[in-house]
C-alpha atoms as a PDB file:
ATOM      1  CA  MET A   1      99.812 109.642  88.796  1.00  0.00           C
ATOM      2  CA  MET A   2      98.603 106.675  90.818  1.00  0.00           C
ATOM      3  CA  ALA A   3     100.582 104.278  89.288  1.00  0.00           C
ATOM      4  CA  ALA A   4     103.566 106.604  89.869  1.00  0.00           C
ATOM      5  CA  VAL A   5     102.688 107.003  93.732  1.00  0.00           C
ATOM      6  CA  LEU A   6     102.453 103.001  94.080  1.00  0.00           C
ATOM      7  CA  ILE A   7     105.699 102.539  92.401  1.00  0.00           C
ATOM      8  CA  ALA A   8     107.550 105.215  94.549  1.00  0.00           C
ATOM      9  CA  ALA A   9     105.776 103.647  97.633  1.00  0.00           C
ATOM     10  CA  ILE A  10     107.093 100.610  96.964  1.00  0.00           C
ATOM     11  CA  ALA A  11     110.565 101.721  95.917  1.00  0.00           C
ATOM     12  CA  VAL A  12     110.966 103.415  99.175  1.00  0.00           C
ATOM     13  CA  ALA A  13     111.540 100.421 100.874  1.00  0.00           C
ATOM     14  CA  SER A  14     114.686  99.425  98.704  1.00  0.00           C
ATOM     15  CA  LEU A  15     115.780 102.893  97.516  1.00  0.00           C
ATOM     16  CA  GLY A  16     115.188 105.070 100.524  1.00  0.00           C
ATOM     17  CA  PHE A  17     112.919 108.135 100.371  1.00  0.00           C
ATOM     18  CA  LEU A  18     114.973 110.638  98.309  1.00  0.00           C
ATOM     19  CA  ILE A  19     115.460 108.971  95.109  1.00  0.00           C
ATOM     20  CA  PRO A  20     111.916 107.732  94.416  1.00  0.00           C
ATOM     21  CA  SER A  21     110.599 111.142  95.648  1.00  0.00           C
ATOM     22  CA  LEU A  22     112.592 112.888  93.066  1.00  0.00           C
ATOM     23  CA  PRO A  23     110.627 111.490  89.862  1.00  0.00           C
ATOM     24  CA  LEU A  24     107.249 111.731  91.704  1.00  0.00           C
ATOM     25  CA  VAL A  25     107.692 115.432  92.537  1.00  0.00           C
ATOM     26  CA  ALA A  26     108.805 116.078  88.967  1.00  0.00           C
ATOM     27  CA  LEU A  27     105.693 114.321  87.359  1.00  0.00           C
ATOM     28  CA  THR A  28     103.605 116.214  89.843  1.00  0.00           C
ATOM     29  CA  LEU A  29     105.033 119.570  89.051  1.00  0.00           C
ATOM     30  CA  TRP A  30     104.670 118.480  85.246  1.00  0.00           C
ATOM     31  CA  MET A  31     101.005 117.651  85.720  1.00  0.00           C
ATOM     32  CA  PHE A  32     100.540 121.006  87.334  1.00  0.00           C
ATOM     33  CA  ARG A  33     101.964 122.552  83.970  1.00  0.00           C
ATOM     34  CA  LEU A  34     105.442 123.609  85.016  1.00  0.00           C
ATOM     35  CA  ARG A  35     107.130 122.602  81.958  1.00  0.00           C
ATOM     36  CA  ARG A  36     110.374 124.716  81.834  1.00  0.00           C
ATOM     37  CA  PRO A  37     113.258 122.759  82.643  1.00  0.00           C
ATOM     38  CA  LEU A  38     115.006 125.050  85.348  1.00  0.00           C
ATOM     39  CA  PRO A  39     112.045 125.745  87.359  1.00  0.00           C
ATOM     40  CA  LEU A  40     111.040 122.114  87.114  1.00  0.00           C
ATOM     41  CA  ALA A  41     114.651 120.922  88.353  1.00  0.00           C
ATOM     42  CA  VAL A  42     114.765 123.529  90.998  1.00  0.00           C
ATOM     43  CA  GLY A  43     111.208 122.835  92.167  1.00  0.00           C
ATOM     44  CA  THR A  44     111.793 119.171  92.225  1.00  0.00           C
ATOM     45  CA  LEU A  45     114.914 119.284  94.316  1.00  0.00           C
ATOM     46  CA  VAL A  46     113.591 122.209  96.848  1.00  0.00           C
ATOM     47  CA  ILE A  47     110.376 120.302  97.476  1.00  0.00           C
ATOM     48  CA  ALA A  48     111.946 116.515  97.691  1.00  0.00           C
ATOM     49  CA  GLY A  49     114.820 117.917  99.770  1.00  0.00           C
ATOM     50  CA  GLY A  50     112.601 119.972 101.756  1.00  0.00           C
ATOM     51  CA  LEU A  51     110.306 117.242 102.739  1.00  0.00           C
ATOM     52  CA  TRP A  52     113.292 115.165 103.631  1.00  0.00           C
ATOM     53  CA  PHE A  53     114.821 118.192 105.676  1.00  0.00           C
ATOM     54  CA  LEU A  54     111.344 118.630 107.510  1.00  0.00           C
ATOM     55  CA  PHE A  55     110.896 115.012 108.311  1.00  0.00           C
ATOM     56  CA  HIS A  56     114.207 114.205 109.252  1.00  0.00           C
ATOM     57  CA  HIS A  57     115.462 117.624 111.056  1.00  0.00           C
ATOM     58  CA  VAL A  58     112.231 119.506 112.096  1.00  0.00           C
ATOM     59  CA  LEU A  59     109.979 116.512 112.980  1.00  0.00           C
ATOM     60  CA  LEU A  60     112.528 114.197 114.001  1.00  0.00           C
ATOM     61  CA  ILE A  61     110.965 111.239 111.925  1.00  0.00           C
ATOM     62  CA  ARG A  62     113.836 108.984 110.379  1.00  0.00           C
ATOM     63  CA  LEU A  63     112.765 108.461 106.994  1.00  0.00           C
ATOM     64  CA  PRO A  64     114.448 105.139 105.110  1.00  0.00           C
ATOM     65  CA  THR A  65     117.629 105.618 103.775  1.00  0.00           C
ATOM     66  CA  LEU A  66     119.214 103.811 100.994  1.00  0.00           C
ATOM     67  CA  LEU A  67     119.614  99.994 101.798  1.00  0.00           C
ATOM     68  CA  ASN A  68     122.161  97.829 100.357  1.00  0.00           C
ATOM     69  CA  SER A  69     119.704  94.544 100.338  1.00  0.00           C
ATOM     70  CA  GLY A  70     122.398  92.543 102.023  1.00  0.00           C
ATOM     71  CA  ALA A  71     124.967  93.054  99.204  1.00  0.00           C
ATOM     72  CA  LEU A  72     127.482  94.063 101.932  1.00  0.00           C
END
């Protein structure tokens, strides 16, 4: 779990917030023994999307978006 958090934290700089947070939330729910596919997928989308909504719209803290790394 610690390795997944570290990888997600590093990936946020280049992939934005939402893309690295989806597998991290899914892994966390799986570790909490939520193993059925539909609740796992819905929970992942609701929690990761809800965190983005909370920070972006409620707290007005802009999270990193997808960067193009100077490709364009």
